[in-house]
């Protein structure tokens, strides 16, 4: 599983580096690494939360969606 997330993060890093370079960033590699790490952590966290819930999806109403 770790290899899967390492590859996802690597692909994100490549795409984000290209975008940062196109956007004129002074440090495209640093920006891409930080953002790719944050996105990957978010994905892992969401999947862990879903697994802990017993694979049940919580149905949100518009009112509860605003509260988090």
PDB file of N, CA and C in Angstrom:
ATOM      1  N   UNK A   1       0.824  -1.189   0.000  1.00  0.00           N
ATOM      2  CA  UNK A   1       0.000   0.000   0.000  1.00  0.00           C
ATOM      3  C   UNK A   1       0.870   1.255   0.000  1.00  0.00           C
ATOM      4  N   UNK A   2       1.979   1.209   0.740  1.00  0.00           N
ATOM      5  CA  UNK A   2       2.865   2.367   0.771  1.00  0.00           C
ATOM      6  C   UNK A   2       3.421   2.683  -0.608  1.00  0.00           C
ATOM      7  N   UNK A   3       3.738   1.646  -1.364  1.00  0.00           N
ATOM      8  CA  UNK A   3       4.257   1.855  -2.707  1.00  0.00           C
ATOM      9  C   UNK A   3       3.221   2.566  -3.580  1.00  0.00           C
ATOM     10  N   UNK A   4       1.969   2.204  -3.423  1.00  0.00           N
ATOM     11  CA  UNK A   4       0.896   2.851  -4.178  1.00  0.00           C
ATOM     12  C   UNK A   4       0.862   4.351  -3.883  1.00  0.00           C
ATOM     13  N   UNK A   5       0.880   4.699  -2.594  1.00  0.00           N
ATOM     14  CA  UNK A   5       0.814   6.119  -2.230  1.00  0.00           C
ATOM     15  C   UNK A   5       2.094   6.854  -2.608  1.00  0.00           C
ATOM     16  N   UNK A   6       3.235   6.172  -2.574  1.00  0.00           N
ATOM     17  CA  UNK A   6       4.476   6.791  -3.035  1.00  0.00           C
ATOM     18  C   UNK A   6       4.394   7.134  -4.514  1.00  0.00           C
ATOM     19  N   UNK A   7       3.796   6.247  -5.271  1.00  0.00           N
ATOM     20  CA  UNK A   7       3.646   6.511  -6.711  1.00  0.00           C
ATOM     21  C   UNK A   7       2.640   7.624  -6.978  1.00  0.00           C
ATOM     22  N   UNK A   8       1.570   7.637  -6.227  1.00  0.00           N
ATOM     23  CA  UNK A   8       0.590   8.724  -6.372  1.00  0.00           C
ATOM     24  C   UNK A   8       1.264  10.056  -6.061  1.00  0.00           C
ATOM     25  N   UNK A   9       2.005  10.103  -4.966  1.00  0.00           N
ATOM     26  CA  UNK A   9       2.691  11.343  -4.588  1.00  0.00           C
ATOM     27  C   UNK A   9       3.716  11.752  -5.645  1.00  0.00           C
ATOM     28  N   UNK A  10       4.415  10.784  -6.205  1.00  0.00           N
ATOM     29  CA  UNK A  10       5.397  11.073  -7.243  1.00  0.00           C
ATOM     30  C   UNK A  10       4.739  11.670  -8.485  1.00  0.00           C
ATOM     31  N   UNK A  11       3.614  11.113  -8.881  1.00  0.00           N
ATOM     32  CA  UNK A  11       2.893  11.640 -10.048  1.00  0.00           C
ATOM     33  C   UNK A  11       2.367  13.048  -9.766  1.00  0.00           C
ATOM     34  N   UNK A  12       1.839  13.248  -8.567  1.00  0.00           N
ATOM     35  CA  UNK A  12       1.376  14.581  -8.192  1.00  0.00           C
ATOM     36  C   UNK A  12       2.526  15.578  -8.245  1.00  0.00           C
ATOM     37  N   UNK A  13       3.674  15.165  -7.710  1.00  0.00           N
ATOM     38  CA  UNK A  13       4.845  16.040  -7.683  1.00  0.00           C
ATOM     39  C   UNK A  13       5.239  16.476  -9.089  1.00  0.00           C
ATOM     40  N   UNK A  14       5.237  15.528 -10.029  1.00  0.00           N
ATOM     41  CA  UNK A  14       5.593  15.850 -11.413  1.00  0.00           C
ATOM     42  C   UNK A  14       4.618  16.857 -12.015  1.00  0.00           C
ATOM     43  N   UNK A  15       3.334  16.585 -11.854  1.00  0.00           N
ATOM     44  CA  UNK A  15       2.313  17.475 -12.427  1.00  0.00           C
ATOM     45  C   UNK A  15       2.364  18.861 -11.790  1.00  0.00           C
ATOM     46  N   UNK A  16       2.514  18.877 -10.484  1.00  0.00           N
ATOM     47  CA  UNK A  16       2.518  20.158  -9.773  1.00  0.00           C
ATOM     48  C   UNK A  16       3.787  20.962 -10.067  1.00  0.00           C
ATOM     49  N   UNK A  17       4.906  20.283 -10.280  1.00  0.00           N
ATOM     50  CA  UNK A  17       6.146  20.980 -10.624  1.00  0.00           C
ATOM     51  C   UNK A  17       5.998  21.672 -11.969  1.00  0.00           C
ATOM     52  N   UNK A  18       5.406  20.969 -12.919  1.00  0.00           N
ATOM     53  CA  UNK A  18       5.182  21.560 -14.243  1.00  0.00           C
ATOM     54  C   UNK A  18       4.267  22.777 -14.143  1.00  0.00           C
ATOM     55  N   UNK A  19       3.220  22.646 -13.350  1.00  0.00           N
ATOM     56  CA  UNK A  19       2.287  23.765 -13.173  1.00  0.00           C
ATOM     57  C   UNK A  19       2.964  24.943 -12.480  1.00  0.00           C
ATOM     58  N   UNK A  20       3.802  24.656 -11.477  1.00  0.00           N
ATOM     59  CA  UNK A  20       4.488  25.724 -10.757  1.00  0.00           C
ATOM     60  C   UNK A  20       5.488  26.444 -11.670  1.00  0.00           C
ATOM     61  N   UNK A  21       6.170  25.680 -12.510  1.00  0.00           N
ATOM     62  CA  UNK A  21       7.098  26.302 -13.464  1.00  0.00           C
ATOM     63  C   UNK A  21       6.348  27.191 -14.441  1.00  0.00           C
ATOM     64  N   UNK A  22       5.210  26.704 -14.929  1.00  0.00           N
ATOM     65  CA  UNK A  22       4.411  27.483 -15.876  1.00  0.00           C
ATOM     66  C   UNK A  22       3.848  28.737 -15.210  1.00  0.00           C
ATOM     67  N   UNK A  23       3.611  28.647 -13.905  1.00  0.00           N
ATOM     68  CA  UNK A  23       3.088  29.792 -13.169  1.00  0.00           C
ATOM     69  C   UNK A  23       4.157  30.787 -12.751  1.00  0.00           C
ATOM     70  N   UNK A  24       5.417  30.487 -13.044  1.00  0.00           N
ATOM     71  CA  UNK A  24       6.496  31.413 -12.742  1.00  0.00           C
ATOM     72  C   UNK A  24       6.981  31.361 -11.307  1.00  0.00           C
ATOM     73  N   UNK A  25       6.821  30.252 -10.644  1.00  0.00           N
ATOM     74  CA  UNK A  25       7.270  30.106  -9.258  1.00  0.00           C
ATOM     75  C   UNK A  25       8.794  30.177  -9.180  1.00  0.00           C
ATOM     76  N   UNK A  26       9.301  30.798  -8.136  1.00  0.00           N
ATOM     77  CA  UNK A  26      10.744  30.880  -7.922  1.00  0.00           C
ATOM     78  C   UNK A  26      11.315  29.535  -7.487  1.00  0.00           C
ATOM     79  N   UNK A  27      10.498  28.740  -6.796  1.00  0.00           N
ATOM     80  CA  UNK A  27      10.942  27.441  -6.283  1.00  0.00           C
ATOM     81  C   UNK A  27       9.899  26.373  -6.642  1.00  0.00           C
ATOM     82  N   UNK A  28       9.824  26.005  -7.916  1.00  0.00           N
ATOM     83  CA  UNK A  28       8.772  25.062  -8.328  1.00  0.00           C
ATOM     84  C   UNK A  28       8.894  23.678  -7.691  1.00  0.00           C
ATOM     85  N   UNK A  29      10.110  23.201  -7.471  1.00  0.00           N
ATOM     86  CA  UNK A  29      10.282  21.869  -6.883  1.00  0.00           C
ATOM     87  C   UNK A  29       9.824  21.848  -5.437  1.00  0.00           C
ATOM     88  N   UNK A  30      10.195  22.869  -4.689  1.00  0.00           N
ATOM     89  CA  UNK A  30       9.799  22.948  -3.278  1.00  0.00           C
ATOM     90  C   UNK A  30       8.285  23.079  -3.164  1.00  0.00           C
ATOM     91  N   UNK A  31       7.708  23.938  -3.974  1.00  0.00           N
ATOM     92  CA  UNK A  31       6.253  24.119  -3.954  1.00  0.00           C
ATOM     93  C   UNK A  31       5.530  22.824  -4.299  1.00  0.00           C
ATOM     94  N   UNK A  32       6.011  22.138  -5.331  1.00  0.00           N
ATOM     95  CA  UNK A  32       5.382  20.899  -5.769  1.00  0.00           C
ATOM     96  C   UNK A  32       5.496  19.810  -4.704  1.00  0.00           C
ATOM     97  N   UNK A  33       6.670  19.700  -4.075  1.00  0.00           N
ATOM     98  CA  UNK A  33       6.864  18.677  -3.041  1.00  0.00           C
ATOM     99  C   UNK A  33       5.929  18.904  -1.858  1.00  0.00           C
ATOM    100  N   UNK A  34       5.819  20.148  -1.424  1.00  0.00           N
ATOM    101  CA  UNK A  34       4.970  20.462  -0.270  1.00  0.00           C
ATOM    102  C   UNK A  34       3.500  20.183  -0.578  1.00  0.00           C
ATOM    103  N   UNK A  35       3.041  20.623  -1.727  1.00  0.00           N
ATOM    104  CA  UNK A  35       1.638  20.437  -2.082  1.00  0.00           C
ATOM    105  C   UNK A  35       1.318  18.959  -2.338  1.00  0.00           C
ATOM    106  N   UNK A  36       2.216  18.245  -2.996  1.00  0.00           N
ATOM    107  CA  UNK A  36       2.000  16.816  -3.248  1.00  0.00           C
ATOM    108  C   UNK A  36       1.930  16.044  -1.934  1.00  0.00           C
ATOM    109  N   UNK A  37       2.777  16.397  -0.989  1.00  0.00           N
ATOM    110  CA  UNK A  37       2.762  15.741   0.318  1.00  0.00           C
ATOM    111  C   UNK A  37       1.452  16.013   1.048  1.00  0.00           C
ATOM    112  N   UNK A  38       0.999  17.251   1.003  1.00  0.00           N
ATOM    113  CA  UNK A  38      -0.247  17.610   1.676  1.00  0.00           C
ATOM    114  C   UNK A  38      -1.448  16.901   1.050  1.00  0.00           C
ATOM    115  N   UNK A  39      -1.496  16.853  -0.269  1.00  0.00           N
ATOM    116  CA  UNK A  39      -2.610  16.193  -0.953  1.00  0.00           C
ATOM    117  C   UNK A  39      -2.612  14.696  -0.655  1.00  0.00           C
ATOM    118  N   UNK A  40      -1.428  14.083  -0.683  1.00  0.00           N
ATOM    119  CA  UNK A  40      -1.331  12.650  -0.392  1.00  0.00           C
ATOM    120  C   UNK A  40      -1.764  12.360   1.036  1.00  0.00           C
ATOM    121  N   UNK A  41      -1.348  13.204   1.970  1.00  0.00           N
ATOM    122  CA  UNK A  41      -1.757  13.026   3.365  1.00  0.00           C
ATOM    123  C   UNK A  41      -3.269  13.147   3.514  1.00  0.00           C
ATOM    124  N   UNK A  42      -3.862  14.072   2.790  1.00  0.00           N
ATOM    125  CA  UNK A  42      -5.311  14.233   2.815  1.00  0.00           C
ATOM    126  C   UNK A  42      -6.006  12.969   2.294  1.00  0.00           C
ATOM    127  N   UNK A  43      -5.501  12.429   1.191  1.00  0.00           N
ATOM    128  CA  UNK A  43      -6.084  11.216   0.613  1.00  0.00           C
ATOM    129  C   UNK A  43      -5.985  10.053   1.597  1.00  0.00           C
ATOM    130  N   UNK A  44      -4.798   9.870   2.177  1.00  0.00           N
ATOM    131  CA  UNK A  44      -4.599   8.775   3.133  1.00  0.00           C
ATOM    132  C   UNK A  44      -5.531   8.941   4.328  1.00  0.00           C
ATOM    133  N   UNK A  45      -5.630  10.155   4.841  1.00  0.00           N
ATOM    134  CA  UNK A  45      -6.502  10.417   5.988  1.00  0.00           C
ATOM    135  C   UNK A  45      -7.963  10.132   5.692  1.00  0.00           C
ATOM    136  N   UNK A  46      -8.416  10.538   4.529  1.00  0.00           N
ATOM    137  CA  UNK A  46      -9.809  10.289   4.157  1.00  0.00           C
ATOM    138  C   UNK A  46     -10.088   8.800   4.006  1.00  0.00           C
ATOM    139  N   UNK A  47      -9.145   8.078   3.407  1.00  0.00           N
ATOM    140  CA  UNK A  47      -9.326   6.632   3.257  1.00  0.00           C
ATOM    141  C   UNK A  47      -9.312   5.930   4.610  1.00  0.00           C
ATOM    142  N   UNK A  48      -8.451   6.380   5.519  1.00  0.00           N
ATOM    143  CA  UNK A  48      -8.422   5.787   6.859  1.00  0.00           C
ATOM    144  C   UNK A  48      -9.720   6.059   7.602  1.00  0.00           C
ATOM    145  N   UNK A  49     -10.237   7.261   7.466  1.00  0.00           N
ATOM    146  CA  UNK A  49     -11.512   7.594   8.109  1.00  0.00           C
ATOM    147  C   UNK A  49     -12.640   6.725   7.564  1.00  0.00           C
ATOM    148  N   UNK A  50     -12.637   6.535   6.255  1.00  0.00           N
ATOM    149  CA  UNK A  50     -13.658   5.713   5.616  1.00  0.00           C
ATOM    150  C   UNK A  50     -13.548   4.267   6.093  1.00  0.00           C
ATOM    151  N   UNK A  51     -12.323   3.755   6.216  1.00  0.00           N
ATOM    152  CA  UNK A  51     -12.122   2.378   6.687  1.00  0.00           C
ATOM    153  C   UNK A  51     -12.568   2.227   8.140  1.00  0.00           C
ATOM    154  N   UNK A  52     -12.278   3.210   8.977  1.00  0.00           N
ATOM    155  CA  UNK A  52     -12.686   3.150  10.385  1.00  0.00           C
ATOM    156  C   UNK A  52     -14.195   3.218  10.536  1.00  0.00           C
ATOM    157  N   UNK A  53     -14.869   3.802   9.559  1.00  0.00           N
ATOM    158  CA  UNK A  53     -16.326   3.924   9.641  1.00  0.00           C
ATOM    159  C   UNK A  53     -17.018   2.608   9.293  1.00  0.00           C
ATOM    160  N   UNK A  54     -16.245   1.587   8.948  1.00  0.00           N
ATOM    161  CA  UNK A  54     -16.845   0.328   8.525  1.00  0.00           C
ATOM    162  C   UNK A  54     -17.319   0.393   7.091  1.00  0.00           C
ATOM    163  N   UNK A  55     -16.709   1.284   6.304  1.00  0.00           N
ATOM    164  CA  UNK A  55     -17.034   1.464   4.891  1.00  0.00           C
ATOM    165  C   UNK A  55     -18.467   1.937   4.684  1.00  0.00           C
ATOM    166  N   UNK A  56     -18.938   2.722   5.628  1.00  0.00           N
ATOM    167  CA  UNK A  56     -20.248   3.349   5.497  1.00  0.00           C
ATOM    168  C   UNK A  56     -20.040   4.799   5.105  1.00  0.00           C
ATOM    169  N   UNK A  57     -20.806   5.231   4.188  1.00  0.00           N
ATOM    170  CA  UNK A  57     -20.729   6.615   3.767  1.00  0.00           C
ATOM    171  C   UNK A  57     -21.718   7.425   4.588  1.00  0.00           C
ATOM    172  N   UNK A  58     -21.250   8.483   5.152  1.00  0.00           N
ATOM    173  CA  UNK A  58     -22.098   9.344   5.949  1.00  0.00           C
ATOM    174  C   UNK A  58     -22.877  10.268   5.019  1.00  0.00           C
ATOM    175  N   UNK A  59     -24.188  10.217   5.117  1.00  0.00           N
ATOM    176  CA  UNK A  59     -25.019  11.077   4.271  1.00  0.00           C
ATOM    177  C   UNK A  59     -25.134  12.440   4.934  1.00  0.00           C
ATOM    178  N   UNK A  60     -24.812  13.440   4.178  1.00  0.00           N
ATOM    179  CA  UNK A  60     -24.848  14.791   4.718  1.00  0.00           C
ATOM    180  C   UNK A  60     -26.006  15.579   4.119  1.00  0.00           C
ATOM    181  N   UNK A  61     -26.630  16.310   4.969  1.00  0.00           N
ATOM    182  CA  UNK A  61     -27.623  17.256   4.486  1.00  0.00           C
ATOM    183  C   UNK A  61     -26.891  18.576   4.295  1.00  0.00           C
ATOM    184  N   UNK A  62     -27.442  19.500   3.550  1.00  0.00           N
ATOM    185  CA  UNK A  62     -26.758  20.784   3.369  1.00  0.00           C
ATOM    186  C   UNK A  62     -26.430  21.471   4.704  1.00  0.00           C
ATOM    187  N   UNK A  63     -27.264  21.301   5.688  1.00  0.00           N
ATOM    188  CA  UNK A  63     -27.016  21.937   6.982  1.00  0.00           C
ATOM    189  C   UNK A  63     -25.807  21.326   7.686  1.00  0.00           C
ATOM    190  N   UNK A  64     -25.686  19.988   7.704  1.00  0.00           N
ATOM    191  CA  UNK A  64     -24.559  19.354   8.381  1.00  0.00           C
ATOM    192  C   UNK A  64     -23.275  19.448   7.585  1.00  0.00           C
ATOM    193  N   UNK A  65     -23.365  19.626   6.285  1.00  0.00           N
ATOM    194  CA  UNK A  65     -22.168  19.744   5.464  1.00  0.00           C
ATOM    195  C   UNK A  65     -21.386  21.006   5.842  1.00  0.00           C
ATOM    196  N   UNK A  66     -22.072  22.042   6.242  1.00  0.00           N
ATOM    197  CA  UNK A  66     -21.402  23.285   6.615  1.00  0.00           C
ATOM    198  C   UNK A  66     -20.687  23.179   7.958  1.00  0.00           C
ATOM    199  N   UNK A  67     -21.158  22.299   8.820  1.00  0.00           N
ATOM    200  CA  UNK A  67     -20.544  22.143  10.135  1.00  0.00           C
ATOM    201  C   UNK A  67     -19.327  21.240  10.134  1.00  0.00           C
ATOM    202  N   UNK A  68     -19.118  20.456   9.086  1.00  0.00           N
ATOM    203  CA  UNK A  68     -17.948  19.596   8.996  1.00  0.00           C
ATOM    204  C   UNK A  68     -18.245  18.260   9.417  1.00  0.00           C
TER     205      UNK A  68
END
